[in-house]
Structures are given as structure tokens and as C-alpha cells.
Amino acid sequence: MWNDLLKVRDWYLKGRVTIIGNGKKIDFWSDSWCDNIPLKERFPNLFPVCREQNCTVNFMASRSRRLSFRRWLDEANQDSLRKLKDLMNVFAVTDEDDKPKWIWNKSGGLSPYTHICL
């Protein structure tokens, strides 16, 4: 049964985003919680040099959304960091639990959501 679940895992995750509640169950970099693409894919130049690679949205909120890096960021990476900070400023954590949401439309395709930060 587990092998069958693993076969549909990618399909399941492709159409799922997570609506932020308290942020305790949302992986900051790997889950699709802000936009329909994980932040590590949207900012592939920042993720490898970030010290907080395994953290939750809740953890980042508790740190006032501050990231630290293993090395100095050049101008292009500074620009990417500004864009990431703009995205992070859109969200706020609450006392509610995080909730999954599927973005499939009625015809079976992905809906054209761009920002799912709520």
C-alpha cells in the first residue's frame, strides 16, 4: 500500500498549497505556501547558501523573518533576497492550524493562482 501512495505523491503535491495558520507544519523552503512553487525553487540561488534550510514558517516569523547566509550575497543575490522579503512581508501567522488547499480547477488542471499567501 505504501508503494502505491508513493506513486501518486508527486501528483498529490503538485496540486496542493498550504494556507498559513500558525505555520508550525509548513516547511519554509520546501512547501508551497506562498505562490504555487516552493521558495527553494523560486529562489534557487539563495537556498543553498541559507543557514536556515530546515525551518518552518512559524520559526521564521518568530525570528522577524530574518535569514542568515553562509557567505556574502552579491548584487544579484541581494536583489533576490529583497524579492523574497517582499513575499514574506505579505504573510502573518495566526493561532489557527495550517490547512492544505488544492488548486485544481474543474477540468482537472491547475488553477491560475499566483499568490496563495493568506
PDB file of N, CA and C in Angstrom:
ATOM      1  N   MET A   1       0.825  -1.174   0.000  1.00  0.00           N
ATOM      2  CA  MET A   1       0.000   0.000   0.000  1.00  0.00           C
ATOM      3  C   MET A   1       0.889   1.265   0.000  1.00  0.00           C
ATOM      4  N   TRP A   2       1.960   1.260   0.789  1.00  0.00           N
ATOM      5  CA  TRP A   2       2.844   2.416   0.859  1.00  0.00           C
ATOM      6  C   TRP A   2       3.439   2.741  -0.511  1.00  0.00           C
ATOM      7  N   ASN A   3       3.843   1.717  -1.251  1.00  0.00           N
ATOM      8  CA  ASN A   3       4.407   1.940  -2.587  1.00  0.00           C
ATOM      9  C   ASN A   3       3.393   2.592  -3.518  1.00  0.00           C
ATOM     10  N   ASP A   4       2.129   2.196  -3.398  1.00  0.00           N
ATOM     11  CA  ASP A   4       1.086   2.812  -4.216  1.00  0.00           C
ATOM     12  C   ASP A   4       0.906   4.292  -3.865  1.00  0.00           C
ATOM     13  N   LEU A   5       0.984   4.614  -2.578  1.00  0.00           N
ATOM     14  CA  LEU A   5       0.882   6.016  -2.166  1.00  0.00           C
ATOM     15  C   LEU A   5       2.054   6.837  -2.692  1.00  0.00           C
ATOM     16  N   LEU A   6       3.237   6.253  -2.676  1.00  0.00           N
ATOM     17  CA  LEU A   6       4.412   6.960  -3.187  1.00  0.00           C
ATOM     18  C   LEU A   6       4.293   7.248  -4.682  1.00  0.00           C
ATOM     19  N   LYS A   7       3.596   6.376  -5.407  1.00  0.00           N
ATOM     20  CA  LYS A   7       3.422   6.577  -6.846  1.00  0.00           C
ATOM     21  C   LYS A   7       2.597   7.823  -7.166  1.00  0.00           C
ATOM     22  N   VAL A   8       1.647   8.169  -6.299  1.00  0.00           N
ATOM     23  CA  VAL A   8       0.786   9.324  -6.552  1.00  0.00           C
ATOM     24  C   VAL A   8       1.223  10.558  -5.763  1.00  0.00           C
ATOM     25  N   ARG A   9       2.295  10.440  -5.012  1.00  0.00           N
ATOM     26  CA  ARG A   9       2.758  11.539  -4.166  1.00  0.00           C
ATOM     27  C   ARG A   9       3.011  12.818  -4.962  1.00  0.00           C
ATOM     28  N   ASP A  10       3.752  12.731  -6.049  1.00  0.00           N
ATOM     29  CA  ASP A  10       4.069  13.928  -6.836  1.00  0.00           C
ATOM     30  C   ASP A  10       2.814  14.581  -7.398  1.00  0.00           C
ATOM     31  N   TRP A  11       1.885  13.784  -7.868  1.00  0.00           N
ATOM     32  CA  TRP A  11       0.629  14.308  -8.395  1.00  0.00           C
ATOM     33  C   TRP A  11      -0.147  15.014  -7.286  1.00  0.00           C
ATOM     34  N   TYR A  12      -0.203  14.402  -6.118  1.00  0.00           N
ATOM     35  CA  TYR A  12      -0.897  14.973  -4.965  1.00  0.00           C
ATOM     36  C   TYR A  12      -0.270  16.309  -4.568  1.00  0.00           C
ATOM     37  N   LEU A  13       1.046  16.347  -4.463  1.00  0.00           N
ATOM     38  CA  LEU A  13       1.726  17.562  -4.029  1.00  0.00           C
ATOM     39  C   LEU A  13       1.691  18.666  -5.076  1.00  0.00           C
ATOM     40  N   LYS A  14       1.613  18.292  -6.348  1.00  0.00           N
ATOM     41  CA  LYS A  14       1.601  19.285  -7.419  1.00  0.00           C
ATOM     42  C   LYS A  14       0.395  20.211  -7.311  1.00  0.00           C
ATOM     43  N   GLY A  15      -0.724  19.686  -6.914  1.00  0.00           N
ATOM     44  CA  GLY A  15      -1.935  20.493  -6.836  1.00  0.00           C
ATOM     45  C   GLY A  15      -2.259  21.000  -5.455  1.00  0.00           C
ATOM     46  N   ARG A  16      -1.310  20.919  -4.512  1.00  0.00           N
ATOM     47  CA  ARG A  16      -1.591  21.303  -3.133  1.00  0.00           C
ATOM     48  C   ARG A  16      -0.724  22.479  -2.705  1.00  0.00           C
ATOM     49  N   VAL A  17      -1.359  23.427  -2.066  1.00  0.00           N
ATOM     50  CA  VAL A  17      -0.653  24.509  -1.395  1.00  0.00           C
ATOM     51  C   VAL A  17      -1.119  24.481   0.054  1.00  0.00           C
ATOM     52  N   THR A  18      -0.430  25.200   0.898  1.00  0.00           N
ATOM     53  CA  THR A  18      -0.805  25.227   2.294  1.00  0.00           C
ATOM     54  C   THR A  18      -1.166  26.647   2.690  1.00  0.00           C
ATOM     55  N   ILE A  19      -2.328  26.778   3.305  1.00  0.00           N
ATOM     56  CA  ILE A  19      -2.779  28.070   3.799  1.00  0.00           C
ATOM     57  C   ILE A  19      -2.198  28.244   5.192  1.00  0.00           C
ATOM     58  N   ILE A  20      -1.553  29.347   5.417  1.00  0.00           N
ATOM     59  CA  ILE A  20      -0.876  29.579   6.686  1.00  0.00           C
ATOM     60  C   ILE A  20      -1.871  29.809   7.805  1.00  0.00           C
ATOM     61  N   GLY A  21      -1.644  29.076   8.877  1.00  0.00           N
ATOM     62  CA  GLY A  21      -2.304  29.334  10.150  1.00  0.00           C
ATOM     63  C   GLY A  21      -1.204  29.751  11.103  1.00  0.00           C
ATOM     64  N   ASN A  22      -0.801  28.808  11.959  1.00  0.00           N
ATOM     65  CA  ASN A  22       0.289  29.106  12.895  1.00  0.00           C
ATOM     66  C   ASN A  22       1.672  28.866  12.272  1.00  0.00           C
ATOM     67  N   GLY A  23       1.715  28.211  11.118  1.00  0.00           N
ATOM     68  CA  GLY A  23       2.980  27.996  10.410  1.00  0.00           C
ATOM     69  C   GLY A  23       3.850  26.897  10.972  1.00  0.00           C
ATOM     70  N   LYS A  24       3.351  26.143  11.945  1.00  0.00           N
ATOM     71  CA  LYS A  24       4.172  25.125  12.607  1.00  0.00           C
ATOM     72  C   LYS A  24       4.393  23.873  11.760  1.00  0.00           C
ATOM     73  N   LYS A  25       3.536  23.629  10.785  1.00  0.00           N
ATOM     74  CA  LYS A  25       3.651  22.421   9.960  1.00  0.00           C
ATOM     75  C   LYS A  25       4.105  22.723   8.541  1.00  0.00           C
ATOM     76  N   ILE A  26       4.453  23.962   8.271  1.00  0.00           N
ATOM     77  CA  ILE A  26       4.821  24.363   6.913  1.00  0.00           C
ATOM     78  C   ILE A  26       6.327  24.553   6.832  1.00  0.00           C
ATOM     79  N   ASP A  27       6.969  23.771   5.973  1.00  0.00           N
ATOM     80  CA  ASP A  27       8.400  23.939   5.738  1.00  0.00           C
ATOM     81  C   ASP A  27       8.592  25.221   4.931  1.00  0.00           C
ATOM     82  N   PHE A  28       9.375  26.129   5.468  1.00  0.00           N
ATOM     83  CA  PHE A  28       9.558  27.444   4.857  1.00  0.00           C
ATOM     84  C   PHE A  28      10.036  27.357   3.417  1.00  0.00           C
ATOM     85  N   TRP A  29      11.030  26.527   3.146  1.00  0.00           N
ATOM     86  CA  TRP A  29      11.625  26.445   1.816  1.00  0.00           C
ATOM     87  C   TRP A  29      10.965  25.417   0.901  1.00  0.00           C
ATOM     88  N   SER A  30      10.485  24.303   1.447  1.00  0.00           N
ATOM     89  CA  SER A  30      10.069  23.170   0.599  1.00  0.00           C
ATOM     90  C   SER A  30       8.580  23.086   0.315  1.00  0.00           C
ATOM     91  N   ASP A  31       7.733  23.651   1.162  1.00  0.00           N
ATOM     92  CA  ASP A  31       6.286  23.575   0.932  1.00  0.00           C
ATOM     93  C   ASP A  31       5.816  24.745   0.078  1.00  0.00           C
ATOM     94  N   SER A  32       4.746  24.508  -0.664  1.00  0.00           N
ATOM     95  CA  SER A  32       4.138  25.574  -1.477  1.00  0.00           C
ATOM     96  C   SER A  32       3.145  26.331  -0.611  1.00  0.00           C
ATOM     97  N   TRP A  33       3.628  27.332   0.082  1.00  0.00           N
ATOM     98  CA  TRP A  33       2.748  28.103   0.965  1.00  0.00           C
ATOM     99  C   TRP A  33       2.598  29.547   0.491  1.00  0.00           C
ATOM    100  N   CYS A  34       3.489  29.999  -0.311  1.00  0.00           N
ATOM    101  CA  CYS A  34       3.438  31.361  -0.837  1.00  0.00           C
ATOM    102  C   CYS A  34       3.769  31.272  -2.322  1.00  0.00           C
ATOM    103  N   ASP A  35       2.778  31.389  -3.135  1.00  0.00           N
ATOM    104  CA  ASP A  35       2.834  31.078  -4.556  1.00  0.00           C
ATOM    105  C   ASP A  35       2.661  29.568  -4.707  1.00  0.00           C
ATOM    106  N   ASN A  36       2.548  29.127  -5.908  1.00  0.00           N
ATOM    107  CA  ASN A  36       2.329  27.702  -6.127  1.00  0.00           C
ATOM    108  C   ASN A  36       3.631  26.962  -6.393  1.00  0.00           C
ATOM    109  N   ILE A  37       4.731  27.532  -5.950  1.00  0.00           N
ATOM    110  CA  ILE A  37       6.034  26.907  -6.122  1.00  0.00           C
ATOM    111  C   ILE A  37       6.815  27.076  -4.818  1.00  0.00           C
ATOM    112  N   PRO A  38       7.506  26.047  -4.364  1.00  0.00           N
ATOM    113  CA  PRO A  38       8.302  26.188  -3.136  1.00  0.00           C
ATOM    114  C   PRO A  38       9.352  27.287  -3.284  1.00  0.00           C
ATOM    115  N   LEU A  39       9.649  27.949  -2.187  1.00  0.00           N
ATOM    116  CA  LEU A  39      10.619  29.052  -2.219  1.00  0.00           C
ATOM    117  C   LEU A  39      12.006  28.592  -2.649  1.00  0.00           C
ATOM    118  N   LYS A  40      12.366  27.340  -2.330  1.00  0.00           N
ATOM    119  CA  LYS A  40      13.703  26.886  -2.741  1.00  0.00           C
ATOM    120  C   LYS A  40      13.803  26.738  -4.249  1.00  0.00           C
ATOM    121  N   GLU A  41      12.672  26.581  -4.940  1.00  0.00           N
ATOM    122  CA  GLU A  41      12.675  26.541  -6.397  1.00  0.00           C
ATOM    123  C   GLU A  41      12.554  27.946  -6.979  1.00  0.00           C
ATOM    124  N   ARG A  42      11.844  28.804  -6.295  1.00  0.00           N
ATOM    125  CA  ARG A  42      11.686  30.178  -6.772  1.00  0.00           C
ATOM    126  C   ARG A  42      12.971  30.992  -6.573  1.00  0.00           C
ATOM    127  N   PHE A  43      13.733  30.654  -5.514  1.00  0.00           N
ATOM    128  CA  PHE A  43      14.988  31.345  -5.211  1.00  0.00           C
ATOM    129  C   PHE A  43      16.129  30.334  -5.099  1.00  0.00           C
ATOM    130  N   PRO A  44      16.458  29.661  -6.219  1.00  0.00           N
ATOM    131  CA  PRO A  44      17.472  28.599  -6.165  1.00  0.00           C
ATOM    132  C   PRO A  44      18.879  29.103  -5.858  1.00  0.00           C
ATOM    133  N   ASN A  45      19.108  30.372  -6.014  1.00  0.00           N
ATOM    134  CA  ASN A  45      20.425  30.931  -5.691  1.00  0.00           C
ATOM    135  C   ASN A  45      20.572  31.212  -4.194  1.00  0.00           C
ATOM    136  N   LEU A  46      19.468  31.446  -3.481  1.00  0.00           N
ATOM    137  CA  LEU A  46      19.529  31.740  -2.049  1.00  0.00           C
ATOM    138  C   LEU A  46      19.495  30.492  -1.177  1.00  0.00           C
ATOM    139  N   PHE A  47      18.702  29.518  -1.582  1.00  0.00           N
ATOM    140  CA  PHE A  47      18.524  28.333  -0.741  1.00  0.00           C
ATOM    141  C   PHE A  47      19.839  27.633  -0.382  1.00  0.00           C
ATOM    142  N   PRO A  48      20.741  27.365  -1.320  1.00  0.00           N
ATOM    143  CA  PRO A  48      21.962  26.627  -0.965  1.00  0.00           C
ATOM    144  C   PRO A  48      22.876  27.347   0.029  1.00  0.00           C
ATOM    145  N   VAL A  49      22.811  28.673   0.082  1.00  0.00           N
ATOM    146  CA  VAL A  49      23.702  29.412   0.983  1.00  0.00           C
ATOM    147  C   VAL A  49      23.007  29.887   2.263  1.00  0.00           C
ATOM    148  N   CYS A  50      21.729  29.578   2.391  1.00  0.00           N
ATOM    149  CA  CYS A  50      20.981  29.979   3.575  1.00  0.00           C
ATOM    150  C   CYS A  50      21.270  29.022   4.729  1.00  0.00           C
ATOM    151  N   ARG A  51      21.456  29.556   5.908  1.00  0.00           N
ATOM    152  CA  ARG A  51      21.713  28.723   7.086  1.00  0.00           C
ATOM    153  C   ARG A  51      20.429  28.085   7.609  1.00  0.00           C
ATOM    154  N   GLU A  52      19.295  28.685   7.347  1.00  0.00           N
ATOM    155  CA  GLU A  52      18.015  28.159   7.837  1.00  0.00           C
ATOM    156  C   GLU A  52      17.317  27.350   6.737  1.00  0.00           C
ATOM    157  N   GLN A  53      17.896  26.232   6.355  1.00  0.00           N
ATOM    158  CA  GLN A  53      17.312  25.419   5.286  1.00  0.00           C
ATOM    159  C   GLN A  53      16.210  24.499   5.792  1.00  0.00           C
ATOM    160  N   ASN A  54      16.225  24.151   7.040  1.00  0.00           N
ATOM    161  CA  ASN A  54      15.224  23.246   7.617  1.00  0.00           C
ATOM    162  C   ASN A  54      14.462  23.966   8.720  1.00  0.00           C
ATOM    163  N   CYS A  55      13.583  24.856   8.308  1.00  0.00           N
ATOM    164  CA  CYS A  55      12.827  25.605   9.305  1.00  0.00           C
ATOM    165  C   CYS A  55      11.377  25.740   8.846  1.00  0.00           C
ATOM    166  N   THR A  56      10.537  26.061   9.785  1.00  0.00           N
ATOM    167  CA  THR A  56       9.123  26.245   9.492  1.00  0.00           C
ATOM    168  C   THR A  56       8.819  27.727   9.286  1.00  0.00           C
ATOM    169  N   VAL A  57       7.643  27.984   8.752  1.00  0.00           N
ATOM    170  CA  VAL A  57       7.185  29.362   8.609  1.00  0.00           C
ATOM    171  C   VAL A  57       7.049  29.989   9.997  1.00  0.00           C
ATOM    172  N   ASN A  58       6.582  29.218  10.971  1.00  0.00           N
ATOM    173  CA  ASN A  58       6.452  29.710  12.331  1.00  0.00           C
ATOM    174  C   ASN A  58       7.798  30.151  12.892  1.00  0.00           C
ATOM    175  N   PHE A  59       8.840  29.348  12.654  1.00  0.00           N
ATOM    176  CA  PHE A  59      10.181  29.692  13.121  1.00  0.00           C
ATOM    177  C   PHE A  59      10.647  31.004  12.501  1.00  0.00           C
ATOM    178  N   MET A  60      10.422  31.161  11.196  1.00  0.00           N
ATOM    179  CA  MET A  60      10.837  32.395  10.525  1.00  0.00           C
ATOM    180  C   MET A  60      10.061  33.596  11.067  1.00  0.00           C
ATOM    181  N   ALA A  61       8.788  33.415  11.356  1.00  0.00           N
ATOM    182  CA  ALA A  61       8.002  34.513  11.919  1.00  0.00           C
ATOM    183  C   ALA A  61       8.520  34.889  13.304  1.00  0.00           C
ATOM    184  N   SER A  62       8.919  33.895  14.078  1.00  0.00           N
ATOM    185  CA  SER A  62       9.440  34.175  15.419  1.00  0.00           C
ATOM    186  C   SER A  62      10.786  34.899  15.373  1.00  0.00           C
ATOM    187  N   ARG A  63      11.487  34.791  14.267  1.00  0.00           N
ATOM    188  CA  ARG A  63      12.778  35.485  14.086  1.00  0.00           C
ATOM    189  C   ARG A  63      12.606  36.791  13.310  1.00  0.00           C
ATOM    190  N   SER A  64      11.401  37.275  13.243  1.00  0.00           N
ATOM    191  CA  SER A  64      11.104  38.507  12.494  1.00  0.00           C
ATOM    192  C   SER A  64      11.511  38.382  11.035  1.00  0.00           C
ATOM    193  N   ARG A  65      11.395  37.179  10.499  1.00  0.00           N
ATOM    194  CA  ARG A  65      11.657  36.891   9.082  1.00  0.00           C
ATOM    195  C   ARG A  65      13.094  37.175   8.660  1.00  0.00           C
ATOM    196  N   ARG A  66      14.019  37.047   9.578  1.00  0.00           N
ATOM    197  CA  ARG A  66      15.435  37.279   9.266  1.00  0.00           C
ATOM    198  C   ARG A  66      16.102  35.983   8.846  1.00  0.00           C
ATOM    199  N   LEU A  67      16.773  36.025   7.732  1.00  0.00           N
ATOM    200  CA  LEU A  67      17.560  34.906   7.235  1.00  0.00           C
ATOM    201  C   LEU A  67      19.035  35.218   7.413  1.00  0.00           C
ATOM    202  N   SER A  68      19.837  34.179   7.599  1.00  0.00           N
ATOM    203  CA  SER A  68      21.289  34.361   7.631  1.00  0.00           C
ATOM    204  C   SER A  68      21.898  33.467   6.554  1.00  0.00           C
ATOM    205  N   PHE A  69      23.062  33.871   6.076  1.00  0.00           N
ATOM    206  CA  PHE A  69      23.679  33.182   4.951  1.00  0.00           C
ATOM    207  C   PHE A  69      25.116  32.798   5.265  1.00  0.00           C
ATOM    208  N   ARG A  70      25.577  31.763   4.583  1.00  0.00           N
ATOM    209  CA  ARG A  70      26.927  31.237   4.791  1.00  0.00           C
ATOM    210  C   ARG A  70      28.009  32.126   4.187  1.00  0.00           C
ATOM    211  N   ARG A  71      27.623  33.009   3.294  1.00  0.00           N
ATOM    212  CA  ARG A  71      28.581  33.886   2.643  1.00  0.00           C
ATOM    213  C   ARG A  71      27.892  35.197   2.281  1.00  0.00           C
ATOM    214  N   TRP A  72      28.704  36.172   1.910  1.00  0.00           N
ATOM    215  CA  TRP A  72      28.192  37.467   1.483  1.00  0.00           C
ATOM    216  C   TRP A  72      27.407  37.301   0.186  1.00  0.00           C
ATOM    217  N   LEU A  73      26.293  37.997   0.062  1.00  0.00           N
ATOM    218  CA  LEU A  73      25.468  37.916  -1.130  1.00  0.00           C
ATOM    219  C   LEU A  73      25.867  39.012  -2.115  1.00  0.00           C
ATOM    220  N   ASP A  74      26.118  38.599  -3.358  1.00  0.00           N
ATOM    221  CA  ASP A  74      26.441  39.580  -4.391  1.00  0.00           C
ATOM    222  C   ASP A  74      25.186  40.371  -4.765  1.00  0.00           C
ATOM    223  N   GLU A  75      25.303  41.280  -5.705  1.00  0.00           N
ATOM    224  CA  GLU A  75      24.203  42.167  -6.061  1.00  0.00           C
ATOM    225  C   GLU A  75      22.966  41.405  -6.550  1.00  0.00           C
ATOM    226  N   ALA A  76      23.176  40.389  -7.380  1.00  0.00           N
ATOM    227  CA  ALA A  76      22.041  39.598  -7.889  1.00  0.00           C
ATOM    228  C   ALA A  76      21.333  38.868  -6.749  1.00  0.00           C
ATOM    229  N   ASN A  77      22.105  38.305  -5.835  1.00  0.00           N
ATOM    230  CA  ASN A  77      21.507  37.608  -4.697  1.00  0.00           C
ATOM    231  C   ASN A  77      20.833  38.582  -3.732  1.00  0.00           C
ATOM    232  N   GLN A  78      21.389  39.782  -3.582  1.00  0.00           N
ATOM    233  CA  GLN A  78      20.738  40.803  -2.756  1.00  0.00           C
ATOM    234  C   GLN A  78      19.380  41.170  -3.349  1.00  0.00           C
ATOM    235  N   ASP A  79      19.308  41.246  -4.674  1.00  0.00           N
ATOM    236  CA  ASP A  79      18.042  41.531  -5.339  1.00  0.00           C
ATOM    237  C   ASP A  79      17.043  40.402  -5.098  1.00  0.00           C
ATOM    238  N   SER A  80      17.516  39.153  -5.183  1.00  0.00           N
ATOM    239  CA  SER A  80      16.643  38.010  -4.899  1.00  0.00           C
ATOM    240  C   SER A  80      16.160  38.041  -3.453  1.00  0.00           C
ATOM    241  N   LEU A  81      17.044  38.405  -2.545  1.00  0.00           N
ATOM    242  CA  LEU A  81      16.666  38.491  -1.134  1.00  0.00           C
ATOM    243  C   LEU A  81      15.599  39.564  -0.920  1.00  0.00           C
ATOM    244  N   ARG A  82      15.724  40.695  -1.596  1.00  0.00           N
ATOM    245  CA  ARG A  82      14.689  41.735  -1.493  1.00  0.00           C
ATOM    246  C   ARG A  82      13.337  41.216  -1.980  1.00  0.00           C
ATOM    247  N   LYS A  83      13.345  40.464  -3.069  1.00  0.00           N
ATOM    248  CA  LYS A  83      12.091  39.890  -3.582  1.00  0.00           C
ATOM    249  C   LYS A  83      11.520  38.875  -2.603  1.00  0.00           C
ATOM    250  N   LEU A  84      12.375  38.065  -1.998  1.00  0.00           N
ATOM    251  CA  LEU A  84      11.922  37.098  -1.005  1.00  0.00           C
ATOM    252  C   LEU A  84      11.335  37.812   0.210  1.00  0.00           C
ATOM    253  N   LYS A  85      11.974  38.861   0.659  1.00  0.00           N
ATOM    254  CA  LYS A  85      11.459  39.621   1.798  1.00  0.00           C
ATOM    255  C   LYS A  85      10.113  40.254   1.478  1.00  0.00           C
ATOM    256  N   ASP A  86       9.948  40.731   0.250  1.00  0.00           N
ATOM    257  CA  ASP A  86       8.648  41.280  -0.152  1.00  0.00           C
ATOM    258  C   ASP A  86       7.559  40.222  -0.046  1.00  0.00           C
ATOM    259  N   LEU A  87       7.867  38.991  -0.464  1.00  0.00           N
ATOM    260  CA  LEU A  87       6.902  37.897  -0.335  1.00  0.00           C
ATOM    261  C   LEU A  87       6.626  37.579   1.127  1.00  0.00           C
ATOM    262  N   MET A  88       7.661  37.540   1.943  1.00  0.00           N
ATOM    263  CA  MET A  88       7.493  37.200   3.357  1.00  0.00           C
ATOM    264  C   MET A  88       6.678  38.253   4.098  1.00  0.00           C
ATOM    265  N   ASN A  89       6.752  39.503   3.675  1.00  0.00           N
ATOM    266  CA  ASN A  89       6.011  40.558   4.360  1.00  0.00           C
ATOM    267  C   ASN A  89       4.505  40.469   4.143  1.00  0.00           C
ATOM    268  N   VAL A  90       4.075  39.653   3.210  1.00  0.00           N
ATOM    269  CA  VAL A  90       2.657  39.501   2.910  1.00  0.00           C
ATOM    270  C   VAL A  90       1.955  38.606   3.933  1.00  0.00           C
ATOM    271  N   PHE A  91       2.662  37.678   4.539  1.00  0.00           N
ATOM    272  CA  PHE A  91       2.006  36.705   5.400  1.00  0.00           C
ATOM    273  C   PHE A  91       2.072  37.075   6.878  1.00  0.00           C
ATOM    274  N   ALA A  92       1.132  36.529   7.622  1.00  0.00           N
ATOM    275  CA  ALA A  92       1.117  36.660   9.077  1.00  0.00           C
ATOM    276  C   ALA A  92       0.638  35.339   9.650  1.00  0.00           C
ATOM    277  N   VAL A  93       1.236  34.902  10.725  1.00  0.00           N
ATOM    278  CA  VAL A  93       0.791  33.679  11.378  1.00  0.00           C
ATOM    279  C   VAL A  93      -0.355  34.012  12.332  1.00  0.00           C
ATOM    280  N   THR A  94      -1.198  33.012  12.568  1.00  0.00           N
ATOM    281  CA  THR A  94      -2.349  33.152  13.467  1.00  0.00           C
ATOM    282  C   THR A  94      -2.299  32.025  14.488  1.00  0.00           C
ATOM    283  N   ASP A  95      -3.338  31.901  15.258  1.00  0.00           N
ATOM    284  CA  ASP A  95      -3.432  30.807  16.227  1.00  0.00           C
ATOM    285  C   ASP A  95      -4.056  29.547  15.625  1.00  0.00           C
ATOM    286  N   GLU A  96      -4.578  29.638  14.416  1.00  0.00           N
ATOM    287  CA  GLU A  96      -5.232  28.503  13.760  1.00  0.00           C
ATOM    288  C   GLU A  96      -4.197  27.524  13.215  1.00  0.00           C
ATOM    289  N   ASP A  97      -4.642  26.289  12.975  1.00  0.00           N
ATOM    290  CA  ASP A  97      -3.779  25.285  12.350  1.00  0.00           C
ATOM    291  C   ASP A  97      -3.596  25.621  10.873  1.00  0.00           C
ATOM    292  N   ASP A  98      -2.472  25.175  10.318  1.00  0.00           N
ATOM    293  CA  ASP A  98      -2.240  25.286   8.882  1.00  0.00           C
ATOM    294  C   ASP A  98      -3.215  24.361   8.162  1.00  0.00           C
ATOM    295  N   LYS A  99      -3.618  24.732   6.937  1.00  0.00           N
ATOM    296  CA  LYS A  99      -4.603  23.950   6.197  1.00  0.00           C
ATOM    297  C   LYS A  99      -4.129  23.707   4.775  1.00  0.00           C
ATOM    298  N   PRO A 100      -4.280  22.462   4.291  1.00  0.00           N
ATOM    299  CA  PRO A 100      -3.956  22.224   2.875  1.00  0.00           C
ATOM    300  C   PRO A 100      -5.085  22.740   1.990  1.00  0.00           C
ATOM    301  N   LYS A 101      -4.728  23.150   0.788  1.00  0.00           N
ATOM    302  CA  LYS A 101      -5.722  23.580  -0.195  1.00  0.00           C
ATOM    303  C   LYS A 101      -5.274  23.066  -1.546  1.00  0.00           C
ATOM    304  N   TRP A 102      -6.209  22.506  -2.280  1.00  0.00           N
ATOM    305  CA  TRP A 102      -5.887  22.000  -3.605  1.00  0.00           C
ATOM    306  C   TRP A 102      -6.311  23.028  -4.623  1.00  0.00           C
ATOM    307  N   ILE A 103      -5.462  23.260  -5.611  1.00  0.00           N
ATOM    308  CA  ILE A 103      -5.698  24.334  -6.571  1.00  0.00           C
ATOM    309  C   ILE A 103      -6.096  23.802  -7.946  1.00  0.00           C
ATOM    310  N   TRP A 104      -6.665  22.610  -7.965  1.00  0.00           N
ATOM    311  CA  TRP A 104      -7.131  22.046  -9.228  1.00  0.00           C
ATOM    312  C   TRP A 104      -8.413  22.750  -9.645  1.00  0.00           C
ATOM    313  N   ASN A 105      -8.566  22.986 -10.940  1.00  0.00           N
ATOM    314  CA  ASN A 105      -9.817  23.567 -11.412  1.00  0.00           C
ATOM    315  C   ASN A 105     -10.768  22.440 -11.820  1.00  0.00           C
ATOM    316  N   LYS A 106     -11.969  22.799 -12.263  1.00  0.00           N
ATOM    317  CA  LYS A 106     -12.980  21.789 -12.563  1.00  0.00           C
ATOM    318  C   LYS A 106     -12.608  20.872 -13.720  1.00  0.00           C
ATOM    319  N   SER A 107     -11.749  21.330 -14.607  1.00  0.00           N
ATOM    320  CA  SER A 107     -11.369  20.498 -15.743  1.00  0.00           C
ATOM    321  C   SER A 107     -10.186  19.579 -15.415  1.00  0.00           C
ATOM    322  N   GLY A 108      -9.708  19.629 -14.180  1.00  0.00           N
ATOM    323  CA  GLY A 108      -8.620  18.740 -13.781  1.00  0.00           C
ATOM    324  C   GLY A 108      -7.244  19.335 -13.884  1.00  0.00           C
ATOM    325  N   GLY A 109      -7.152  20.590 -14.322  1.00  0.00           N
ATOM    326  CA  GLY A 109      -5.849  21.248 -14.411  1.00  0.00           C
ATOM    327  C   GLY A 109      -5.606  22.136 -13.210  1.00  0.00           C
ATOM    328  N   LEU A 110      -4.422  22.694 -13.163  1.00  0.00           N
ATOM    329  CA  LEU A 110      -4.099  23.602 -12.066  1.00  0.00           C
ATOM    330  C   LEU A 110      -4.760  24.950 -12.295  1.00  0.00           C
ATOM    331  N   SER A 111      -5.299  25.522 -11.227  1.00  0.00           N
ATOM    332  CA  SER A 111      -5.874  26.863 -11.307  1.00  0.00           C
ATOM    333  C   SER A 111      -4.758  27.880 -11.440  1.00  0.00           C
ATOM    334  N   PRO A 112      -5.042  29.016 -12.026  1.00  0.00           N
ATOM    335  CA  PRO A 112      -4.007  30.020 -12.254  1.00  0.00           C
ATOM    336  C   PRO A 112      -3.718  30.891 -11.039  1.00  0.00           C
ATOM    337  N   TYR A 113      -3.672  30.319  -9.837  1.00  0.00           N
ATOM    338  CA  TYR A 113      -3.301  31.089  -8.655  1.00  0.00           C
ATOM    339  C   TYR A 113      -1.856  31.513  -8.756  1.00  0.00           C
ATOM    340  N   THR A 114      -1.574  32.708  -8.338  1.00  0.00           N
ATOM    341  CA  THR A 114      -0.179  33.118  -8.274  1.00  0.00           C
ATOM    342  C   THR A 114       0.241  33.357  -6.835  1.00  0.00           C
ATOM    343  N   HIS A 115      -0.575  34.019  -6.042  1.00  0.00           N
ATOM    344  CA  HIS A 115      -0.234  34.246  -4.647  1.00  0.00           C
ATOM    345  C   HIS A 115      -1.259  33.578  -3.747  1.00  0.00           C
ATOM    346  N   ILE A 116      -0.809  32.652  -2.933  1.00  0.00           N
ATOM    347  CA  ILE A 116      -1.672  31.933  -2.022  1.00  0.00           C
ATOM    348  C   ILE A 116      -1.393  32.375  -0.589  1.00  0.00           C
ATOM    349  N   CYS A 117      -0.520  33.338  -0.401  1.00  0.00           N
ATOM    350  CA  CYS A 117      -0.217  33.819   0.956  1.00  0.00           C
ATOM    351  C   CYS A 117      -1.486  34.412   1.555  1.00  0.00           C
ATOM    352  N   LEU A 118      -1.953  33.822   2.607  1.00  0.00           N
ATOM    353  CA  LEU A 118      -3.137  34.340   3.300  1.00  0.00           C
ATOM    354  C   LEU A 118      -2.865  34.498   4.763  1.00  0.00           C
TER     355      LEU A 118
END
